Protein backbone atom coordinates (compact mmCIF):
# COMPACT_ATOMS: atom_id res chain seq x y z
CA MET A 1 142.18 66.01 187.57
CA ALA A 2 145.26 65.08 185.42
CA VAL A 3 146.74 61.84 185.62
CA THR A 4 150.56 61.64 185.96
CA PRO A 5 152.61 59.24 184.01
CA GLU A 6 153.43 57.37 187.12
CA GLU A 7 149.62 56.87 187.88
CA THR A 8 149.02 55.68 184.33
CA ALA A 9 151.87 53.24 184.48
CA THR A 10 150.55 51.85 187.77
CA LYS A 11 147.10 51.47 186.30
CA LYS A 12 148.40 49.61 183.27
CA GLU A 13 150.75 47.24 185.34
CA PRO A 14 149.20 46.62 188.72
CA GLN A 15 151.68 45.32 191.22
CA VAL A 16 151.01 41.96 192.99
CA LYS A 17 151.67 42.35 196.64
CA GLY A 18 154.84 40.18 197.47
CA SER A 19 155.46 39.59 193.78
CA ALA A 20 159.18 39.29 194.29
CA TRP A 21 158.82 36.47 196.72
CA ILE A 22 156.22 34.72 194.55
CA LYS A 23 158.53 35.04 191.55
CA LEU A 24 161.37 33.56 193.61
CA LEU A 25 159.18 30.80 194.80
CA LEU A 26 158.16 29.93 191.27
CA GLU A 27 161.76 29.87 190.14
CA LEU A 28 163.07 27.66 193.04
CA GLY A 29 159.85 25.61 193.39
CA PRO A 30 160.46 23.06 190.62
CA LEU A 31 163.94 22.20 192.02
CA VAL A 32 162.59 21.76 195.61
CA VAL A 33 159.69 19.60 194.14
CA PHE A 34 162.20 17.55 192.18
CA PHE A 35 164.30 16.93 195.30
CA LEU A 36 161.16 15.99 197.36
CA ALA A 37 159.79 13.72 194.58
CA TYR A 38 163.21 11.88 194.17
CA ASN A 39 163.20 11.02 197.85
CA GLN A 40 159.58 9.81 197.72
CA GLY A 41 160.12 7.78 194.59
CA ALA A 42 158.77 4.66 195.94
CA THR A 43 155.53 6.37 197.09
CA ILE A 44 155.07 8.10 193.80
CA GLY A 45 155.75 4.66 192.13
CA GLU A 46 152.91 3.28 194.06
CA TRP A 47 150.53 6.07 193.11
CA LEU A 48 151.46 5.52 189.45
CA GLY A 49 151.10 1.74 189.78
CA GLN A 50 154.72 1.24 189.15
CA PRO A 51 156.29 0.14 192.44
CA ASP A 52 159.66 -0.62 190.85
CA ILE A 53 160.08 2.72 189.20
CA LYS A 54 163.50 4.42 189.55
CA PRO A 55 163.45 7.41 191.96
CA ILE A 56 164.94 9.62 189.34
CA ILE A 57 162.24 8.68 186.90
CA ALA A 58 159.56 9.37 189.37
CA ALA A 59 161.05 12.80 190.18
CA THR A 60 161.15 13.63 186.46
CA ILE A 61 157.54 12.79 186.01
CA VAL A 62 156.63 15.23 188.77
CA PHE A 63 159.27 17.69 187.59
CA ILE A 64 158.03 18.43 184.07
CA PRO A 65 154.39 19.57 184.96
CA THR A 66 155.86 21.47 187.94
CA MET A 67 158.15 23.48 185.58
CA ILE A 68 155.21 24.15 183.13
CA VAL A 69 153.06 25.42 185.88
CA CYS A 70 155.78 27.56 187.28
CA VAL A 71 156.89 29.16 184.08
CA LEU A 72 153.14 29.90 183.22
CA GLY A 73 152.73 31.45 186.63
CA SER A 74 155.83 33.68 186.17
CA PHE A 75 154.44 34.84 182.97
CA TRP A 76 151.07 35.59 184.51
CA LEU A 77 152.84 37.57 187.26
CA THR A 78 155.30 39.56 185.24
CA ARG A 79 153.56 39.56 181.80
CA GLU A 80 156.98 38.86 180.29
CA VAL A 81 158.54 35.82 178.67
CA ALA A 82 161.78 35.22 180.58
CA VAL A 83 164.22 33.65 178.04
CA MET A 84 166.28 31.53 180.45
CA PRO A 85 163.40 29.75 182.23
CA LEU A 86 161.72 29.26 178.84
CA VAL A 87 164.73 27.61 177.28
CA SER A 88 165.08 25.48 180.53
CA LEU A 89 161.46 24.41 180.20
CA VAL A 90 161.89 23.31 176.54
CA LEU A 91 164.99 21.24 177.52
CA VAL A 92 163.17 19.75 180.53
CA CYS A 93 160.29 18.65 178.43
CA LEU A 94 162.66 17.25 175.68
CA PHE A 95 165.23 15.47 177.84
CA GLY A 96 162.77 14.69 180.61
CA GLY A 97 160.36 13.22 178.12
CA LEU A 98 163.23 10.98 176.65
CA THR A 99 164.17 9.92 180.22
CA ILE A 100 160.62 8.85 180.97
CA TRP A 101 159.86 7.24 177.51
CA LEU A 102 163.18 5.25 177.41
CA ASN A 103 163.52 4.66 181.08
CA ASP A 104 167.09 6.13 180.90
CA ASP A 105 168.17 8.85 183.48
CA THR A 106 171.10 9.82 181.20
CA PHE A 107 168.96 12.38 179.38
CA ILE A 108 167.72 14.30 182.46
CA LYS A 109 171.20 14.25 183.90
CA MET A 110 172.75 15.72 180.76
CA LYS A 111 170.12 18.49 180.57
CA PRO A 112 172.03 20.94 182.75
CA THR A 113 175.11 20.37 180.70
CA ILE A 114 173.31 21.18 177.40
CA LEU A 115 171.53 24.20 178.91
CA ASN A 116 174.73 25.82 180.27
CA LEU A 117 176.45 25.11 176.82
CA ILE A 118 173.52 26.80 175.00
CA PHE A 119 173.72 29.89 177.27
CA ALA A 120 177.48 30.11 176.75
CA ALA A 121 177.25 29.62 173.04
CA VAL A 122 174.56 32.34 172.70
CA LEU A 123 176.55 34.74 174.74
CA MET A 124 179.69 34.16 172.69
CA ALA A 125 177.82 34.26 169.56
CA GLY A 126 176.39 37.62 170.51
CA LEU A 127 179.95 38.95 171.03
CA TYR A 128 181.00 37.71 167.62
CA PHE A 129 178.06 39.54 166.00
CA ASN A 130 178.56 42.63 168.25
CA LYS A 131 175.45 41.92 170.12
CA MET A 132 175.66 41.79 173.94
CA PHE A 133 172.74 40.04 175.12
CA LEU A 134 173.39 40.63 178.73
CA LYS A 135 173.11 44.38 178.15
CA LEU A 136 169.71 43.87 176.50
CA ILE A 137 168.54 41.92 179.43
CA PHE A 138 170.00 43.91 182.39
CA GLN A 139 170.52 47.37 180.97
CA GLU A 140 167.53 48.83 183.05
CA GLY A 141 169.06 47.57 186.30
CA TRP A 142 172.76 48.27 185.52
CA SER A 143 174.24 51.44 183.97
CA ILE A 144 177.77 50.39 182.85
CA THR A 145 179.98 50.97 179.79
CA ASP A 146 180.11 48.60 176.76
CA ARG A 147 183.52 47.51 177.98
CA GLY A 148 181.83 46.39 181.15
CA TRP A 149 179.11 44.48 179.34
CA TYR A 150 181.79 42.87 177.22
CA LEU A 151 183.78 41.62 180.23
CA LEU A 152 180.52 40.39 181.93
CA THR A 153 179.70 38.52 178.88
CA VAL A 154 182.90 36.81 178.63
CA ARG A 155 182.92 35.94 182.34
CA TRP A 156 179.37 34.46 182.34
CA SER A 157 180.20 32.45 179.23
CA ILE A 158 183.23 30.95 180.80
CA PHE A 159 181.02 30.38 183.98
CA PHE A 160 178.42 28.43 182.07
CA VAL A 161 181.09 26.22 180.39
CA CYS A 162 182.56 25.49 183.73
CA MET A 163 179.14 24.58 185.17
CA ALA A 164 178.56 22.30 182.21
CA ILE A 165 181.91 20.52 182.84
CA LEU A 166 181.20 20.30 186.49
CA ASN A 167 177.69 18.71 185.91
CA GLU A 168 179.33 16.10 183.63
CA ILE A 169 181.94 15.21 186.29
CA ILE A 170 179.45 14.84 188.97
CA TRP A 171 176.84 12.77 187.23
CA ARG A 172 179.35 10.54 185.65
CA ASN A 173 181.59 9.96 188.60
CA PHE A 174 179.42 10.24 191.71
CA PRO A 175 176.36 8.44 193.10
CA GLU A 176 173.05 9.54 191.71
CA GLU A 177 171.86 10.89 195.15
CA PHE A 178 174.91 13.24 195.24
CA TRP A 179 174.06 14.51 191.73
CA VAL A 180 170.43 15.20 192.85
CA ASN A 181 171.64 17.11 195.93
CA PHE A 182 174.10 19.08 193.91
CA LYS A 183 171.48 19.92 191.26
CA VAL A 184 169.16 21.30 193.94
CA TRP A 185 171.45 22.69 196.64
CA GLY A 186 174.68 23.36 194.76
CA ASN A 187 174.01 25.06 191.52
CA LEU A 188 172.00 28.06 192.83
CA PRO A 189 174.63 28.95 195.64
CA ILE A 190 177.46 28.68 193.22
CA THR A 191 175.68 30.99 190.71
CA MET A 192 174.79 33.54 193.33
CA ILE A 193 178.33 33.61 194.64
CA PHE A 194 179.72 34.10 191.16
CA ALA A 195 177.07 36.81 190.49
CA VAL A 196 178.09 38.68 193.74
CA PHE A 197 181.79 38.58 192.72
CA GLN A 198 180.83 40.32 189.45
CA MET A 199 179.52 43.36 191.19
CA ARG A 200 183.09 44.66 191.54
CA LEU A 201 183.34 44.70 187.77
CA VAL A 202 180.03 46.60 187.62
CA PHE A 203 181.26 49.25 189.92
CA GLN A 204 184.57 49.53 187.99
CA HIS A 205 182.83 50.34 184.72
CA PRO A 206 180.11 52.86 185.52
CA LEU A 207 178.32 54.68 182.63
CA PRO A 208 179.30 58.42 182.41
CA GLU A 209 176.59 60.53 183.96
CA GLU A 210 175.79 62.48 180.83
CA GLU A 211 175.32 59.33 178.84
CA GLU A 212 173.15 57.74 181.61
CA THR A 213 170.99 60.84 181.62
CA ALA A 214 170.65 60.75 177.77
């Protein structure tokens, strides 16, 4: 009996039941673990034999291996290397490692700033060299014109810069606990709300039907 292309694709790439929820858990898990570890810093310090350890240091010690496990788990699930989580992991290991080694929480607090500025710089550099990286990442999900991709890229670049500035304002001017809560419970909702508002732009720049078919 002949095997259809759909059946072949299914055999090559078996679907994991509930994979979308698992992927979401792997992406959000490290932040939740960071939050819980921060609030249990004294307990973690006792486990590590360092009762006087700072909560932020204890949370960072737990955060790094959690990020590694989750990124590896996401790769196992999707068989794809997601660029943004991978870059985030590298910065977490770098700045988190410096935080632990030097006992200085400045590095882990600056990590979101550096990460957002890197994303903004990459997107804007792509526009300068006529490469729209958002299109390369999301073109299978969205069918919009190059003008639409251009506007999306500009908007996301500005958004990342604003998030970098916001992180700097918060960690430099507010209590540490406030920064931790914002990192875990503020960043994601703000990003999701911004993403939802971009859908109007997506609908305003649909790809012509003949080009989409081609």
